[in-house]
N, C-alpha and C. Protein backbone atom coordinates (compact mmCIF):
# COMPACT_ATOMS: atom_id res chain seq x y z
N UNK A 1 -7.40 1.92 -10.58
CA UNK A 1 -6.59 0.88 -10.00
C UNK A 1 -6.37 1.20 -8.53
N UNK A 2 -6.39 0.17 -7.68
CA UNK A 2 -6.14 0.35 -6.25
C UNK A 2 -4.68 0.08 -5.94
N UNK A 3 -4.14 0.90 -5.03
CA UNK A 3 -2.75 0.77 -4.62
C UNK A 3 -2.66 0.66 -3.10
N UNK A 4 -1.81 -0.23 -2.64
CA UNK A 4 -1.44 -0.33 -1.24
C UNK A 4 -0.30 0.66 -1.04
N UNK A 5 -0.38 1.49 0.00
CA UNK A 5 0.65 2.49 0.27
C UNK A 5 1.43 2.07 1.51
N UNK A 6 2.74 1.96 1.34
CA UNK A 6 3.65 1.63 2.44
C UNK A 6 4.61 2.79 2.61
N UNK A 7 5.03 3.06 3.84
CA UNK A 7 5.97 4.15 4.03
C UNK A 7 6.69 4.08 5.35
N UNK A 8 7.75 4.91 5.44
CA UNK A 8 8.49 5.08 6.69
C UNK A 8 9.12 6.46 6.70
N UNK A 9 9.31 6.97 7.92
CA UNK A 9 9.87 8.31 8.08
C UNK A 9 11.34 8.28 8.44
N UNK A 10 11.89 7.11 8.75
CA UNK A 10 13.34 6.97 8.92
C UNK A 10 13.72 5.58 8.44
N UNK A 11 14.96 5.45 7.98
CA UNK A 11 15.39 4.16 7.45
C UNK A 11 15.49 3.09 8.53
N UNK A 12 15.57 3.50 9.80
CA UNK A 12 15.63 2.53 10.90
C UNK A 12 14.27 1.87 11.13
N UNK A 13 13.20 2.47 10.66
CA UNK A 13 11.84 1.92 10.81
C UNK A 13 11.54 0.93 9.69
N UNK A 14 10.69 -0.06 9.97
CA UNK A 14 10.23 -0.92 8.88
C UNK A 14 9.19 -0.17 8.04
N UNK A 15 9.01 -0.61 6.81
CA UNK A 15 7.90 -0.09 6.01
C UNK A 15 6.61 -0.53 6.67
N UNK A 16 5.65 0.37 6.79
CA UNK A 16 4.36 0.06 7.39
C UNK A 16 3.24 0.50 6.45
N UNK A 17 2.13 -0.20 6.52
CA UNK A 17 0.98 0.16 5.71
C UNK A 17 0.48 1.53 6.12
N UNK A 18 0.30 2.42 5.15
CA UNK A 18 -0.21 3.76 5.39
C UNK A 18 -1.64 3.92 4.86
N UNK A 19 -2.12 2.92 4.15
CA UNK A 19 -3.48 2.97 3.63
C UNK A 19 -3.55 2.50 2.19
N UNK A 20 -4.68 2.82 1.58
CA UNK A 20 -4.94 2.44 0.19
C UNK A 20 -5.37 3.70 -0.53
N UNK A 21 -5.15 3.71 -1.82
CA UNK A 21 -5.69 4.79 -2.63
C UNK A 21 -6.10 4.22 -3.97
N UNK A 22 -6.97 4.95 -4.62
CA UNK A 22 -7.44 4.55 -5.94
C UNK A 22 -7.10 5.67 -6.92
N UNK A 23 -6.50 5.30 -8.04
CA UNK A 23 -6.08 6.28 -9.05
C UNK A 23 -6.13 5.62 -10.42
N UNK A 24 -6.30 6.42 -11.47
CA UNK A 24 -6.37 5.85 -12.83
C UNK A 24 -5.04 5.34 -13.36
N UNK A 25 -3.92 5.87 -12.82
CA UNK A 25 -2.61 5.43 -13.30
C UNK A 25 -1.57 5.67 -12.21
N UNK A 26 -0.35 5.16 -12.43
CA UNK A 26 0.71 5.23 -11.42
C UNK A 26 1.11 6.67 -11.10
N UNK A 27 1.19 7.52 -12.11
CA UNK A 27 1.59 8.92 -11.85
C UNK A 27 0.56 9.64 -11.00
N UNK A 28 -0.71 9.41 -11.26
CA UNK A 28 -1.76 10.01 -10.43
C UNK A 28 -1.68 9.47 -9.00
N UNK A 29 -1.40 8.19 -8.86
CA UNK A 29 -1.26 7.59 -7.54
C UNK A 29 -0.09 8.22 -6.78
N UNK A 30 1.03 8.47 -7.46
CA UNK A 30 2.18 9.13 -6.82
C UNK A 30 1.79 10.52 -6.29
N UNK A 31 1.10 11.28 -7.12
CA UNK A 31 0.69 12.62 -6.70
C UNK A 31 -0.25 12.56 -5.51
N UNK A 32 -1.21 11.63 -5.55
CA UNK A 32 -2.16 11.50 -4.45
C UNK A 32 -1.45 11.12 -3.15
N UNK A 33 -0.52 10.18 -3.23
CA UNK A 33 0.20 9.74 -2.03
C UNK A 33 0.99 10.90 -1.43
N UNK A 34 1.70 11.65 -2.26
CA UNK A 34 2.51 12.76 -1.75
C UNK A 34 1.64 13.85 -1.14
N UNK A 35 0.56 14.21 -1.82
CA UNK A 35 -0.29 15.28 -1.30
C UNK A 35 -1.10 14.82 -0.09
N UNK A 36 -1.54 13.58 -0.08
CA UNK A 36 -2.38 13.09 1.00
C UNK A 36 -1.65 12.73 2.27
N UNK A 37 -0.38 12.32 2.15
CA UNK A 37 0.37 11.88 3.33
C UNK A 37 1.32 12.94 3.87
N UNK A 38 1.50 14.02 3.16
CA UNK A 38 2.31 15.11 3.67
C UNK A 38 3.80 14.88 3.55
N UNK A 39 4.56 15.64 4.34
CA UNK A 39 6.02 15.67 4.27
C UNK A 39 6.64 14.75 5.32
N UNK A 40 7.95 14.62 5.25
CA UNK A 40 8.69 13.91 6.28
C UNK A 40 8.98 12.45 6.00
N UNK A 41 8.58 11.96 4.85
CA UNK A 41 8.80 10.55 4.51
C UNK A 41 10.17 10.38 3.85
N UNK A 42 10.90 9.34 4.24
CA UNK A 42 12.12 9.00 3.52
C UNK A 42 11.83 7.98 2.44
N UNK A 43 10.69 7.29 2.59
CA UNK A 43 10.32 6.27 1.60
C UNK A 43 8.80 6.08 1.60
N UNK A 44 8.22 6.15 0.42
CA UNK A 44 6.81 5.79 0.19
C UNK A 44 6.80 4.81 -0.97
N UNK A 45 6.04 3.75 -0.83
CA UNK A 45 5.99 2.71 -1.85
C UNK A 45 4.53 2.47 -2.22
N UNK A 46 4.25 2.43 -3.51
CA UNK A 46 2.92 2.10 -4.01
C UNK A 46 2.98 0.72 -4.64
N UNK A 47 2.06 -0.15 -4.23
CA UNK A 47 2.00 -1.51 -4.78
C UNK A 47 0.61 -1.70 -5.36
N UNK A 48 0.50 -1.93 -6.67
CA UNK A 48 -0.83 -2.21 -7.23
C UNK A 48 -1.42 -3.43 -6.51
N UNK A 49 -2.64 -3.28 -6.02
CA UNK A 49 -3.25 -4.35 -5.22
C UNK A 49 -3.31 -5.67 -5.98
N UNK A 50 -3.51 -5.62 -7.29
CA UNK A 50 -3.58 -6.87 -8.05
C UNK A 50 -2.21 -7.53 -8.23
N UNK A 51 -1.14 -6.85 -7.78
CA UNK A 51 0.21 -7.43 -7.87
C UNK A 51 0.70 -8.01 -6.55
N UNK A 52 -0.07 -7.84 -5.48
CA UNK A 52 0.32 -8.39 -4.17
C UNK A 52 0.16 -9.90 -4.22
N UNK A 53 1.19 -10.60 -3.83
CA UNK A 53 1.16 -12.07 -3.77
C UNK A 53 1.48 -12.49 -2.35
N UNK A 54 0.53 -13.11 -1.69
CA UNK A 54 0.73 -13.56 -0.32
C UNK A 54 1.60 -14.80 -0.32
N UNK A 55 2.59 -14.83 0.54
CA UNK A 55 3.43 -16.01 0.72
C UNK A 55 2.81 -16.88 1.79
N UNK A 56 2.34 -16.26 2.85
CA UNK A 56 1.69 -16.96 3.95
C UNK A 56 0.63 -16.05 4.50
N UNK A 57 -0.60 -16.54 4.59
CA UNK A 57 -1.69 -15.76 5.13
C UNK A 57 -2.75 -16.72 5.63
N UNK A 58 -3.13 -16.59 6.87
CA UNK A 58 -4.15 -17.46 7.45
C UNK A 58 -5.52 -16.79 7.35
N UNK A 59 -6.48 -17.44 6.74
CA UNK A 59 -7.84 -16.92 6.64
C UNK A 59 -7.91 -15.65 5.83
N UNK A 60 -8.84 -14.78 6.22
CA UNK A 60 -9.00 -13.49 5.54
C UNK A 60 -8.31 -12.41 6.35
N UNK A 61 -7.88 -11.37 5.70
CA UNK A 61 -7.18 -10.27 6.36
C UNK A 61 -7.85 -8.96 5.99
N UNK A 62 -7.59 -7.95 6.79
CA UNK A 62 -8.04 -6.61 6.48
C UNK A 62 -6.85 -5.86 5.90
N UNK A 63 -7.00 -5.35 4.71
CA UNK A 63 -5.92 -4.66 4.03
C UNK A 63 -6.44 -3.31 3.58
N UNK A 64 -5.92 -2.27 4.18
CA UNK A 64 -6.35 -0.92 3.81
C UNK A 64 -7.84 -0.72 4.00
N UNK A 65 -8.40 -1.32 5.05
CA UNK A 65 -9.82 -1.18 5.33
C UNK A 65 -10.70 -2.05 4.45
N UNK A 66 -10.11 -2.92 3.65
CA UNK A 66 -10.86 -3.78 2.74
C UNK A 66 -10.55 -5.23 3.08
N UNK A 67 -11.57 -6.05 3.20
CA UNK A 67 -11.33 -7.46 3.49
C UNK A 67 -10.80 -8.17 2.24
N UNK A 68 -9.73 -8.92 2.41
CA UNK A 68 -9.09 -9.62 1.32
C UNK A 68 -9.13 -11.11 1.60
N UNK A 69 -9.66 -11.88 0.70
CA UNK A 69 -9.73 -13.33 0.86
C UNK A 69 -8.37 -13.96 0.64
N UNK A 70 -8.06 -14.94 1.45
CA UNK A 70 -6.82 -15.68 1.28
C UNK A 70 -7.05 -16.74 0.22
N UNK A 71 -6.13 -16.83 -0.74
CA UNK A 71 -6.24 -17.87 -1.78
C UNK A 71 -4.88 -18.14 -2.36
N UNK A 72 -4.75 -19.27 -2.99
CA UNK A 72 -3.51 -19.64 -3.65
C UNK A 72 -3.81 -19.74 -5.14
N UNK A 73 -3.03 -19.03 -5.95
CA UNK A 73 -3.23 -19.08 -7.41
C UNK A 73 -2.38 -20.16 -8.02
């Protein structure tokens, strides 16, 4: 499963995309995010890519280095 990784190093900052990772389950994804991104984070968020729902998006976007088609379900 692919996960979008969002994070911030202080609560005054907005959450920002930190990349994507692929893992067989949520616990493995948590371990990968912690080991791959290092220390100093106050918040890291994993979002399964198949659960992302765009509210507004024009055309196609680049998400975690992967092109994502805009569509309405």
